């Protein structure tokens, strides 16, 4: 039994709201990804194989995928690897063939059924919510962690797997022993998507999540921001991404759409920089003081680190 703390309750948003729950990299080699994360100063959970029920009362079957996670005090990062021949694993392999990196964004929700009803009403044709579970290491033995996930058919959201995740056992996911990182990462704050037509995507994401997306006038390009109760999605074109986060022109960019990276809050930016550079990965300080880290090819994408605001 793992005690449930206020930290765990805070991961589930109030009814009627959403938060930015997690993002997931799809990676081909789980051990290479784990080694890369260690060099960057992240603590990772042990590898865990995933199972799901295709029907509410159906048998539990292997999903053909497994993950390691980087748990943060707000949200988390997931690193998913396919290892069996299943439909879910095939979707991961197809995505990885396009690029290694972030292919999944999960809104946190308290009501998967309400999300399903909204998606159906908006014409997204969602299948029934999926009940996922996996065994996770616990301080003594193991614990079963359970989620309810609402998705739409593949290709409905061309940016990737954009879904809603309802945590039923957050105490088993956010175990306090996994929350401390040498690089002082503390919270998931933003995720950045690159699109050929940000205005179209902003309208579609507003329908998808039931949240508006506001236009931001930046130094170049077009950008919309969808704010949740905790965290935001930034929908931008390649020119906006270059202008904001790639002053040295070193970022490799797949053809849009793609989920380029995300922002993490740090408890100590000087330590963040020292640990990441000490592990052999360059760090670029942007004019606004944030640190940009281009992730190694085992992970793909980029991270911005920003200073964590006082509570």
C-alpha atoms as a PDB file:
ATOM      1  CA  UNK A   1       0.000   0.000   0.000  1.00  0.00           C
ATOM      2  CA  UNK A   2       1.361   3.411  -0.996  1.00  0.00           C
ATOM      3  CA  UNK A   3       0.037   6.372   0.982  1.00  0.00           C
ATOM      4  CA  UNK A   4      -1.919   8.928  -1.043  1.00  0.00           C
ATOM      5  CA  UNK A   5      -0.611  12.462  -0.482  1.00  0.00           C
ATOM      6  CA  UNK A   6      -1.767  15.952  -1.527  1.00  0.00           C
ATOM      7  CA  UNK A   7       0.880  15.722  -4.259  1.00  0.00           C
ATOM      8  CA  UNK A   8      -1.076  12.851  -5.811  1.00  0.00           C
ATOM      9  CA  UNK A   9      -4.468  14.543  -5.602  1.00  0.00           C
ATOM     10  CA  UNK A  10      -2.960  17.610  -7.314  1.00  0.00           C
ATOM     11  CA  UNK A  11      -2.202  15.557 -10.436  1.00  0.00           C
ATOM     12  CA  UNK A  12      -5.913  15.113 -11.186  1.00  0.00           C
ATOM     13  CA  UNK A  13      -7.524  18.391 -12.330  1.00  0.00           C
ATOM     14  CA  UNK A  14     -10.799  19.628 -10.857  1.00  0.00           C
ATOM     15  CA  UNK A  15     -13.930  18.346 -12.635  1.00  0.00           C
ATOM     16  CA  UNK A  16     -14.684  20.341 -15.745  1.00  0.00           C
ATOM     17  CA  UNK A  17     -11.041  21.305 -16.348  1.00  0.00           C
ATOM     18  CA  UNK A  18      -7.985  19.770 -18.012  1.00  0.00           C
ATOM     19  CA  UNK A  19      -4.268  19.978 -17.365  1.00  0.00           C
ATOM     20  CA  UNK A  20      -1.114  19.111 -19.285  1.00  0.00           C
ATOM     21  CA  UNK A  21      -0.550  15.662 -17.795  1.00  0.00           C
ATOM     22  CA  UNK A  22       2.383  14.248 -19.760  1.00  0.00           C
ATOM     23  CA  UNK A  23       4.157  13.936 -23.077  1.00  0.00           C
ATOM     24  CA  UNK A  24       5.643  10.749 -24.501  1.00  0.00           C
ATOM     25  CA  UNK A  25       8.674  10.108 -26.660  1.00  0.00           C
ATOM     26  CA  UNK A  26       8.452   7.069 -28.938  1.00  0.00           C
ATOM     27  CA  UNK A  27      11.928   5.505 -28.913  1.00  0.00           C
ATOM     28  CA  UNK A  28      13.240   2.372 -30.657  1.00  0.00           C
ATOM     29  CA  UNK A  29      15.817   1.303 -28.043  1.00  0.00           C
ATOM     30  CA  UNK A  30      14.730   1.422 -24.419  1.00  0.00           C
ATOM     31  CA  UNK A  31      18.196   0.880 -22.961  1.00  0.00           C
ATOM     32  CA  UNK A  32      19.843   3.525 -25.150  1.00  0.00           C
ATOM     33  CA  UNK A  33      17.089   5.958 -24.170  1.00  0.00           C
ATOM     34  CA  UNK A  34      17.572   5.191 -20.456  1.00  0.00           C
ATOM     35  CA  UNK A  35      21.337   5.769 -20.739  1.00  0.00           C
ATOM     36  CA  UNK A  36      20.771   9.096 -22.500  1.00  0.00           C
ATOM     37  CA  UNK A  37      18.342  10.227 -19.792  1.00  0.00           C
ATOM     38  CA  UNK A  38      20.866   9.328 -17.085  1.00  0.00           C
ATOM     39  CA  UNK A  39      23.538  11.439 -18.808  1.00  0.00           C
ATOM     40  CA  UNK A  40      21.101  14.362 -18.827  1.00  0.00           C
ATOM     41  CA  UNK A  41      20.600  14.037 -15.062  1.00  0.00           C
ATOM     42  CA  UNK A  42      17.121  12.500 -14.973  1.00  0.00           C
ATOM     43  CA  UNK A  43      15.967   9.794 -12.581  1.00  0.00           C
ATOM     44  CA  UNK A  44      13.884   7.201 -14.434  1.00  0.00           C
ATOM     45  CA  UNK A  45      11.418   4.585 -13.292  1.00  0.00           C
ATOM     46  CA  UNK A  46      12.121   0.912 -14.097  1.00  0.00           C
ATOM     47  CA  UNK A  47      10.891  -0.402 -17.440  1.00  0.00           C
ATOM     48  CA  UNK A  48       7.271  -1.550 -17.212  1.00  0.00           C
ATOM     49  CA  UNK A  49       5.266  -3.566 -19.751  1.00  0.00           C
ATOM     50  CA  UNK A  50       1.767  -2.279 -20.484  1.00  0.00           C
ATOM     51  CA  UNK A  51      -1.509  -4.198 -20.695  1.00  0.00           C
ATOM     52  CA  UNK A  52      -5.023  -3.110 -21.586  1.00  0.00           C
ATOM     53  CA  UNK A  53      -8.629  -4.256 -21.842  1.00  0.00           C
ATOM     54  CA  UNK A  54     -10.068  -3.793 -25.312  1.00  0.00           C
ATOM     55  CA  UNK A  55     -13.562  -3.983 -23.802  1.00  0.00           C
ATOM     56  CA  UNK A  56     -14.716  -2.860 -20.374  1.00  0.00           C
ATOM     57  CA  UNK A  57     -15.261  -6.451 -19.184  1.00  0.00           C
ATOM     58  CA  UNK A  58     -12.775  -8.094 -21.534  1.00  0.00           C
ATOM     59  CA  UNK A  59      -9.581  -9.936 -20.643  1.00  0.00           C
ATOM     60  CA  UNK A  60      -6.351  -8.131 -19.870  1.00  0.00           C
ATOM     61  CA  UNK A  61      -4.006  -8.463 -22.874  1.00  0.00           C
ATOM     62  CA  UNK A  62      -0.467  -7.216 -23.579  1.00  0.00           C
ATOM     63  CA  UNK A  63      -0.353  -3.877 -25.392  1.00  0.00           C
ATOM     64  CA  UNK A  64       3.009  -4.794 -26.925  1.00  0.00           C
ATOM     65  CA  UNK A  65       4.595  -1.638 -25.531  1.00  0.00           C
ATOM     66  CA  UNK A  66       6.406  -0.645 -22.372  1.00  0.00           C
ATOM     67  CA  UNK A  67       7.717   2.498 -20.788  1.00  0.00           C
ATOM     68  CA  UNK A  68      10.082   4.247 -18.494  1.00  0.00           C
ATOM     69  CA  UNK A  69       9.001   7.564 -17.021  1.00  0.00           C
ATOM     70  CA  UNK A  70      10.594  10.707 -15.654  1.00  0.00           C
ATOM     71  CA  UNK A  71       8.283  11.744 -12.837  1.00  0.00           C
ATOM     72  CA  UNK A  72       7.986  15.437 -11.993  1.00  0.00           C
ATOM     73  CA  UNK A  73       6.174  17.219  -9.199  1.00  0.00           C
ATOM     74  CA  UNK A  74       3.785  18.507 -11.872  1.00  0.00           C
ATOM     75  CA  UNK A  75       3.217  16.044 -14.709  1.00  0.00           C
ATOM     76  CA  UNK A  76       5.729  13.635 -16.176  1.00  0.00           C
ATOM     77  CA  UNK A  77       7.626  12.464 -19.262  1.00  0.00           C
ATOM     78  CA  UNK A  78       7.089   9.028 -20.767  1.00  0.00           C
ATOM     79  CA  UNK A  79       9.459   7.049 -23.003  1.00  0.00           C
ATOM     80  CA  UNK A  80       7.537   4.362 -24.896  1.00  0.00           C
ATOM     81  CA  UNK A  81       9.085   1.433 -26.756  1.00  0.00           C
ATOM     82  CA  UNK A  82       7.364  -1.242 -28.891  1.00  0.00           C
ATOM     83  CA  UNK A  83       8.535  -4.821 -28.332  1.00  0.00           C
ATOM     84  CA  UNK A  84       5.730  -7.148 -29.560  1.00  0.00           C
ATOM     85  CA  UNK A  85       3.723  -7.423 -32.779  1.00  0.00           C
ATOM     86  CA  UNK A  86       0.437  -5.810 -31.755  1.00  0.00           C
ATOM     87  CA  UNK A  87      -1.649  -3.023 -33.337  1.00  0.00           C
ATOM     88  CA  UNK A  88      -0.522  -0.550 -30.670  1.00  0.00           C
ATOM     89  CA  UNK A  89       3.148  -1.471 -31.160  1.00  0.00           C
ATOM     90  CA  UNK A  90       2.732  -1.115 -34.926  1.00  0.00           C
ATOM     91  CA  UNK A  91       1.469   2.445 -34.433  1.00  0.00           C
ATOM     92  CA  UNK A  92       4.604   3.272 -32.433  1.00  0.00           C
ATOM     93  CA  UNK A  93       6.909   1.763 -35.044  1.00  0.00           C
ATOM     94  CA  UNK A  94       5.198   3.716 -37.814  1.00  0.00           C
ATOM     95  CA  UNK A  95       5.634   6.954 -35.865  1.00  0.00           C
ATOM     96  CA  UNK A  96       9.294   6.218 -35.060  1.00  0.00           C
ATOM     97  CA  UNK A  97       9.954   5.622 -38.761  1.00  0.00           C
ATOM     98  CA  UNK A  98       9.038   9.283 -39.320  1.00  0.00           C
ATOM     99  CA  UNK A  99      11.119  10.604 -36.411  1.00  0.00           C
ATOM    100  CA  UNK A 100      12.270   9.580 -32.932  1.00  0.00           C
ATOM    101  CA  UNK A 101      10.837  11.987 -30.413  1.00  0.00           C
ATOM    102  CA  UNK A 102       7.567  13.195 -28.924  1.00  0.00           C
ATOM    103  CA  UNK A 103       4.480  11.693 -30.553  1.00  0.00           C
ATOM    104  CA  UNK A 104       1.986  11.856 -27.679  1.00  0.00           C
ATOM    105  CA  UNK A 105       0.402  14.604 -25.612  1.00  0.00           C
ATOM    106  CA  UNK A 106      -1.961  13.692 -22.791  1.00  0.00           C
ATOM    107  CA  UNK A 107      -4.425  16.077 -21.263  1.00  0.00           C
ATOM    108  CA  UNK A 108      -5.110  15.172 -17.656  1.00  0.00           C
ATOM    109  CA  UNK A 109      -8.798  14.740 -16.922  1.00  0.00           C
ATOM    110  CA  UNK A 110     -11.123  13.885 -14.067  1.00  0.00           C
ATOM    111  CA  UNK A 111     -13.922  12.684 -16.350  1.00  0.00           C
ATOM    112  CA  UNK A 112     -13.008  10.466 -19.315  1.00  0.00           C
ATOM    113  CA  UNK A 113     -16.676   9.904 -20.122  1.00  0.00           C
ATOM    114  CA  UNK A 114     -17.313  13.640 -20.490  1.00  0.00           C
ATOM    115  CA  UNK A 115     -14.308  13.946 -22.790  1.00  0.00           C
ATOM    116  CA  UNK A 116     -15.618  11.043 -24.858  1.00  0.00           C
ATOM    117  CA  UNK A 117     -19.050  12.680 -25.156  1.00  0.00           C
ATOM    118  CA  UNK A 118     -17.531  16.011 -26.238  1.00  0.00           C
ATOM    119  CA  UNK A 119     -15.321  14.360 -28.871  1.00  0.00           C
ATOM    120  CA  UNK A 120     -18.288  12.429 -30.250  1.00  0.00           C
ATOM    121  CA  UNK A 121     -20.402  15.574 -30.415  1.00  0.00           C
ATOM    122  CA  UNK A 122     -17.599  17.383 -32.272  1.00  0.00           C
ATOM    123  CA  UNK A 123     -17.345  14.626 -34.884  1.00  0.00           C
ATOM    124  CA  UNK A 124     -14.043  13.036 -33.812  1.00  0.00           C
ATOM    125  CA  UNK A 125     -15.596   9.527 -33.648  1.00  0.00           C
ATOM    126  CA  UNK A 126     -13.768   8.325 -30.525  1.00  0.00           C
ATOM    127  CA  UNK A 127     -13.743   4.606 -29.730  1.00  0.00           C
ATOM    128  CA  UNK A 128     -14.781   3.643 -26.186  1.00  0.00           C
ATOM    129  CA  UNK A 129     -12.360   4.726 -23.438  1.00  0.00           C
ATOM    130  CA  UNK A 130      -9.491   2.257 -22.936  1.00  0.00           C
ATOM    131  CA  UNK A 131      -8.640   0.957 -19.483  1.00  0.00           C
ATOM    132  CA  UNK A 132      -4.876   0.578 -19.232  1.00  0.00           C
ATOM    133  CA  UNK A 133      -2.856  -0.862 -16.408  1.00  0.00           C
ATOM    134  CA  UNK A 134       0.711  -1.888 -15.684  1.00  0.00           C
ATOM    135  CA  UNK A 135       2.724  -3.213 -12.797  1.00  0.00           C
ATOM    136  CA  UNK A 136       5.042  -0.655 -11.227  1.00  0.00           C
ATOM    137  CA  UNK A 137       7.805  -1.149  -8.702  1.00  0.00           C
ATOM    138  CA  UNK A 138       6.794  -0.187  -5.174  1.00  0.00           C
ATOM    139  CA  UNK A 139       8.975   0.332  -2.087  1.00  0.00           C
ATOM    140  CA  UNK A 140       8.032  -3.229  -1.129  1.00  0.00           C
ATOM    141  CA  UNK A 141       7.048  -5.446  -4.062  1.00  0.00           C
ATOM    142  CA  UNK A 142       4.926  -4.073  -6.887  1.00  0.00           C
ATOM    143  CA  UNK A 143       1.749  -2.060  -7.290  1.00  0.00           C
ATOM    144  CA  UNK A 144      -0.804  -1.954 -10.099  1.00  0.00           C
ATOM    145  CA  UNK A 145      -1.343   1.461 -11.646  1.00  0.00           C
ATOM    146  CA  UNK A 146      -4.516   2.109 -13.636  1.00  0.00           C
ATOM    147  CA  UNK A 147      -5.589   4.743 -16.145  1.00  0.00           C
ATOM    148  CA  UNK A 148      -8.605   5.466 -18.295  1.00  0.00           C
ATOM    149  CA  UNK A 149      -7.551   6.816 -21.696  1.00  0.00           C
ATOM    150  CA  UNK A 150      -9.820   8.474 -24.248  1.00  0.00           C
ATOM    151  CA  UNK A 151      -8.423   8.600 -27.795  1.00  0.00           C
ATOM    152  CA  UNK A 152      -9.604   9.216 -31.324  1.00  0.00           C
ATOM    153  CA  UNK A 153      -8.822   7.033 -34.365  1.00  0.00           C
ATOM    154  CA  UNK A 154      -5.237   7.168 -35.721  1.00  0.00           C
ATOM    155  CA  UNK A 155      -4.778  10.073 -38.102  1.00  0.00           C
ATOM    156  CA  UNK A 156      -7.654  12.115 -36.652  1.00  0.00           C
ATOM    157  CA  UNK A 157      -5.085  14.392 -35.041  1.00  0.00           C
ATOM    158  CA  UNK A 158      -2.165  14.286 -37.517  1.00  0.00           C
ATOM    159  CA  UNK A 159       0.279  15.741 -34.979  1.00  0.00           C
ATOM    160  CA  UNK A 160       0.368  12.471 -33.046  1.00  0.00           C
ATOM    161  CA  UNK A 161      -1.519  10.595 -30.355  1.00  0.00           C
ATOM    162  CA  UNK A 162      -3.423  13.378 -28.606  1.00  0.00           C
ATOM    163  CA  UNK A 163      -5.414  11.856 -25.776  1.00  0.00           C
ATOM    164  CA  UNK A 164      -7.046  12.295 -22.381  1.00  0.00           C
ATOM    165  CA  UNK A 165      -5.706  10.440 -19.364  1.00  0.00           C
ATOM    166  CA  UNK A 166      -7.627   9.880 -16.165  1.00  0.00           C
ATOM    167  CA  UNK A 167      -5.407   8.651 -13.325  1.00  0.00           C
ATOM    168  CA  UNK A 168      -7.086   6.198 -10.978  1.00  0.00           C
ATOM    169  CA  UNK A 169      -3.972   5.434  -8.901  1.00  0.00           C
ATOM    170  CA  UNK A 170      -1.728   8.535  -8.961  1.00  0.00           C
ATOM    171  CA  UNK A 171       0.010   7.411  -5.762  1.00  0.00           C
ATOM    172  CA  UNK A 172       1.525   4.472  -7.656  1.00  0.00           C
ATOM    173  CA  UNK A 173       2.733   6.687 -10.494  1.00  0.00           C
ATOM    174  CA  UNK A 174       4.107   9.701  -8.606  1.00  0.00           C
ATOM    175  CA  UNK A 175       6.177   7.843  -6.019  1.00  0.00           C
ATOM    176  CA  UNK A 176       8.232  10.365  -4.063  1.00  0.00           C
ATOM    177  CA  UNK A 177      11.486   8.410  -4.502  1.00  0.00           C
ATOM    178  CA  UNK A 178      11.371   9.144  -8.258  1.00  0.00           C
ATOM    179  CA  UNK A 179      10.749  12.895  -8.042  1.00  0.00           C
ATOM    180  CA  UNK A 180      14.296  14.112  -7.392  1.00  0.00           C
ATOM    181  CA  UNK A 181      16.574  14.675 -10.402  1.00  0.00           C
ATOM    182  CA  UNK A 182      20.231  15.672 -10.493  1.00  0.00           C
ATOM    183  CA  UNK A 183      19.361  18.320 -13.095  1.00  0.00           C
ATOM    184  CA  UNK A 184      16.667  19.765 -10.769  1.00  0.00           C
ATOM    185  CA  UNK A 185      13.789  19.305 -13.232  1.00  0.00           C
ATOM    186  CA  UNK A 186      10.531  19.885 -11.373  1.00  0.00           C
ATOM    187  CA  UNK A 187       7.488  20.499 -13.582  1.00  0.00           C
ATOM    188  CA  UNK A 188       6.105  20.137 -17.107  1.00  0.00           C
ATOM    189  CA  UNK A 189       4.976  23.563 -18.259  1.00  0.00           C
ATOM    190  CA  UNK A 190       4.548  23.741 -22.064  1.00  0.00           C
ATOM    191  CA  UNK A 191       4.669  21.632 -25.199  1.00  0.00           C
ATOM    192  CA  UNK A 192       5.504  22.992 -28.670  1.00  0.00           C
ATOM    193  CA  UNK A 193       3.891  21.692 -31.868  1.00  0.00           C
ATOM    194  CA  UNK A 194       5.014  22.702 -35.380  1.00  0.00           C
ATOM    195  CA  UNK A 195       2.254  22.871 -37.988  1.00  0.00           C
ATOM    196  CA  UNK A 196       1.852  23.915 -41.594  1.00  0.00           C
ATOM    197  CA  UNK A 197      -1.363  25.791 -40.687  1.00  0.00           C
ATOM    198  CA  UNK A 198      -1.430  26.851 -37.009  1.00  0.00           C
ATOM    199  CA  UNK A 199      -4.772  28.649 -37.412  1.00  0.00           C
ATOM    200  CA  UNK A 200      -6.503  25.474 -38.587  1.00  0.00           C
ATOM    201  CA  UNK A 201      -4.898  23.501 -35.766  1.00  0.00           C
ATOM    202  CA  UNK A 202      -5.925  26.091 -33.170  1.00  0.00           C
ATOM    203  CA  UNK A 203      -9.563  25.774 -34.213  1.00  0.00           C
ATOM    204  CA  UNK A 204      -9.356  21.976 -34.207  1.00  0.00           C
ATOM    205  CA  UNK A 205      -7.643  21.797 -30.787  1.00  0.00           C
ATOM    206  CA  UNK A 206     -10.246  24.163 -29.340  1.00  0.00           C
ATOM    207  CA  UNK A 207     -12.963  21.740 -30.449  1.00  0.00           C
ATOM    208  CA  UNK A 208     -10.941  18.741 -29.300  1.00  0.00           C
ATOM    209  CA  UNK A 209     -10.251  19.936 -25.762  1.00  0.00           C
ATOM    210  CA  UNK A 210     -13.118  22.376 -25.303  1.00  0.00           C
ATOM    211  CA  UNK A 211     -10.543  25.106 -24.622  1.00  0.00           C
ATOM    212  CA  UNK A 212      -9.834  28.233 -26.700  1.00  0.00           C
ATOM    213  CA  UNK A 213      -6.483  28.864 -28.410  1.00  0.00           C
ATOM    214  CA  UNK A 214      -5.315  32.492 -28.383  1.00  0.00           C
ATOM    215  CA  UNK A 215      -3.169  34.075 -31.120  1.00  0.00           C
ATOM    216  CA  UNK A 216       0.265  35.285 -30.037  1.00  0.00           C
ATOM    217  CA  UNK A 217       2.157  37.846 -32.118  1.00  0.00           C
ATOM    218  CA  UNK A 218       5.825  36.878 -31.895  1.00  0.00           C
ATOM    219  CA  UNK A 219       9.009  38.048 -33.618  1.00  0.00           C
ATOM    220  CA  UNK A 220       8.199  35.975 -36.707  1.00  0.00           C
ATOM    221  CA  UNK A 221       5.724  33.381 -37.879  1.00  0.00           C
ATOM    222  CA  UNK A 222       2.395  32.469 -36.316  1.00  0.00           C
ATOM    223  CA  UNK A 223       1.722  30.996 -32.888  1.00  0.00           C
ATOM    224  CA  UNK A 224      -1.399  30.116 -30.918  1.00  0.00           C
ATOM    225  CA  UNK A 225      -1.455  29.143 -27.234  1.00  0.00           C
ATOM    226  CA  UNK A 226      -4.010  26.848 -25.608  1.00  0.00           C
ATOM    227  CA  UNK A 227      -3.869  27.294 -21.837  1.00  0.00           C
ATOM    228  CA  UNK A 228      -5.052  24.503 -19.521  1.00  0.00           C
ATOM    229  CA  UNK A 229      -5.516  24.637 -15.768  1.00  0.00           C
ATOM    230  CA  UNK A 230      -1.845  23.624 -15.524  1.00  0.00           C
ATOM    231  CA  UNK A 231       0.375  23.912 -18.561  1.00  0.00           C
ATOM    232  CA  UNK A 232      -0.091  25.032 -22.159  1.00  0.00           C
ATOM    233  CA  UNK A 233       0.092  23.830 -25.760  1.00  0.00           C
ATOM    234  CA  UNK A 234       1.853  26.129 -28.246  1.00  0.00           C
ATOM    235  CA  UNK A 235       0.744  25.674 -31.863  1.00  0.00           C
ATOM    236  CA  UNK A 236       3.243  27.355 -34.217  1.00  0.00           C
ATOM    237  CA  UNK A 237       4.727  27.281 -37.663  1.00  0.00           C
ATOM    238  CA  UNK A 238       8.383  26.521 -38.384  1.00  0.00           C
ATOM    239  CA  UNK A 239       9.278  30.217 -38.726  1.00  0.00           C
ATOM    240  CA  UNK A 240       8.005  30.951 -35.218  1.00  0.00           C
ATOM    241  CA  UNK A 241       9.924  28.007 -33.771  1.00  0.00           C
ATOM    242  CA  UNK A 242      13.139  29.099 -35.490  1.00  0.00           C
ATOM    243  CA  UNK A 243      12.742  32.691 -34.319  1.00  0.00           C
ATOM    244  CA  UNK A 244      12.033  31.782 -30.709  1.00  0.00           C
ATOM    245  CA  UNK A 245      14.174  28.751 -30.004  1.00  0.00           C
ATOM    246  CA  UNK A 246      16.758  28.208 -32.744  1.00  0.00           C
ATOM    247  CA  UNK A 247      18.952  31.319 -33.039  1.00  0.00           C
ATOM    248  CA  UNK A 248      21.975  29.248 -34.083  1.00  0.00           C
ATOM    249  CA  UNK A 249      20.090  27.286 -36.760  1.00  0.00           C
ATOM    250  CA  UNK A 250      21.188  23.934 -35.322  1.00  0.00           C
ATOM    251  CA  UNK A 251      17.764  22.347 -34.853  1.00  0.00           C
ATOM    252  CA  UNK A 252      16.830  19.577 -37.289  1.00  0.00           C
ATOM    253  CA  UNK A 253      13.188  19.867 -38.321  1.00  0.00           C
ATOM    254  CA  UNK A 254      11.057  17.101 -39.834  1.00  0.00           C
ATOM    255  CA  UNK A 255       8.287  18.125 -42.189  1.00  0.00           C
ATOM    256  CA  UNK A 256       5.254  19.327 -40.204  1.00  0.00           C
ATOM    257  CA  UNK A 257       3.263  18.347 -38.348  1.00  0.00           C
ATOM    258  CA  UNK A 258       5.501  17.298 -35.488  1.00  0.00           C
ATOM    259  CA  UNK A 259       5.725  17.717 -31.729  1.00  0.00           C
ATOM    260  CA  UNK A 260       9.038  19.498 -31.409  1.00  0.00           C
ATOM    261  CA  UNK A 261       9.688  19.653 -27.669  1.00  0.00           C
ATOM    262  CA  UNK A 262       8.547  20.961 -24.316  1.00  0.00           C
ATOM    263  CA  UNK A 263       9.443  23.213 -21.407  1.00  0.00           C
ATOM    264  CA  UNK A 264      10.334  22.066 -17.910  1.00  0.00           C
ATOM    265  CA  UNK A 265      10.599  24.249 -14.843  1.00  0.00           C
ATOM    266  CA  UNK A 266      13.821  23.826 -12.864  1.00  0.00           C
ATOM    267  CA  UNK A 267      14.427  24.426  -9.184  1.00  0.00           C
ATOM    268  CA  UNK A 268      17.960  25.666  -9.987  1.00  0.00           C
ATOM    269  CA  UNK A 269      18.928  26.620 -13.544  1.00  0.00           C
ATOM    270  CA  UNK A 270      22.648  26.864 -12.789  1.00  0.00           C
ATOM    271  CA  UNK A 271      22.636  23.270 -11.548  1.00  0.00           C
ATOM    272  CA  UNK A 272      20.561  22.201 -14.547  1.00  0.00           C
ATOM    273  CA  UNK A 273      23.153  23.640 -16.900  1.00  0.00           C
ATOM    274  CA  UNK A 274      26.126  22.203 -15.021  1.00  0.00           C
ATOM    275  CA  UNK A 275      24.687  18.680 -14.869  1.00  0.00           C
ATOM    276  CA  UNK A 276      23.625  18.556 -18.522  1.00  0.00           C
ATOM    277  CA  UNK A 277      26.877  19.988 -19.829  1.00  0.00           C
ATOM    278  CA  UNK A 278      28.783  17.674 -17.482  1.00  0.00           C
ATOM    279  CA  UNK A 279      27.033  14.746 -19.162  1.00  0.00           C
ATOM    280  CA  UNK A 280      28.295  15.864 -22.570  1.00  0.00           C
ATOM    281  CA  UNK A 281      25.228  17.626 -24.014  1.00  0.00           C
ATOM    282  CA  UNK A 282      25.574  21.303 -25.054  1.00  0.00           C
ATOM    283  CA  UNK A 283      23.273  23.915 -23.529  1.00  0.00           C
ATOM    284  CA  UNK A 284      22.264  27.155 -25.264  1.00  0.00           C
ATOM    285  CA  UNK A 285      21.064  30.099 -23.166  1.00  0.00           C
ATOM    286  CA  UNK A 286      18.300  32.001 -24.962  1.00  0.00           C
ATOM    287  CA  UNK A 287      17.920  35.798 -24.677  1.00  0.00           C
ATOM    288  CA  UNK A 288      15.085  35.394 -22.160  1.00  0.00           C
ATOM    289  CA  UNK A 289      17.277  33.292 -19.858  1.00  0.00           C
ATOM    290  CA  UNK A 290      15.765  29.909 -20.644  1.00  0.00           C
ATOM    291  CA  UNK A 291      18.095  27.049 -21.464  1.00  0.00           C
ATOM    292  CA  UNK A 292      17.626  25.096 -24.697  1.00  0.00           C
ATOM    293  CA  UNK A 293      18.839  21.510 -24.845  1.00  0.00           C
ATOM    294  CA  UNK A 294      18.763  19.595 -28.128  1.00  0.00           C
ATOM    295  CA  UNK A 295      18.212  16.016 -27.042  1.00  0.00           C
ATOM    296  CA  UNK A 296      20.431  13.192 -28.336  1.00  0.00           C
ATOM    297  CA  UNK A 297      19.122  11.030 -31.200  1.00  0.00           C
ATOM    298  CA  UNK A 298      18.181   8.227 -28.791  1.00  0.00           C
ATOM    299  CA  UNK A 299      15.421  10.562 -27.497  1.00  0.00           C
ATOM    300  CA  UNK A 300      14.781  13.217 -30.160  1.00  0.00           C
ATOM    301  CA  UNK A 301      13.401  16.752 -29.867  1.00  0.00           C
ATOM    302  CA  UNK A 302      14.370  19.523 -27.472  1.00  0.00           C
ATOM    303  CA  UNK A 303      13.747  20.714 -23.915  1.00  0.00           C
ATOM    304  CA  UNK A 304      13.600  24.263 -22.640  1.00  0.00           C
ATOM    305  CA  UNK A 305      14.427  24.709 -18.967  1.00  0.00           C
ATOM    306  CA  UNK A 306      13.009  27.753 -17.180  1.00  0.00           C
ATOM    307  CA  UNK A 307      13.210  28.970 -13.602  1.00  0.00           C
ATOM    308  CA  UNK A 308      10.481  27.598 -11.363  1.00  0.00           C
ATOM    309  CA  UNK A 309       8.285  30.381  -9.980  1.00  0.00           C
ATOM    310  CA  UNK A 310       7.965  30.586  -6.192  1.00  0.00           C
ATOM    311  CA  UNK A 311       4.901  28.834  -4.816  1.00  0.00           C
END
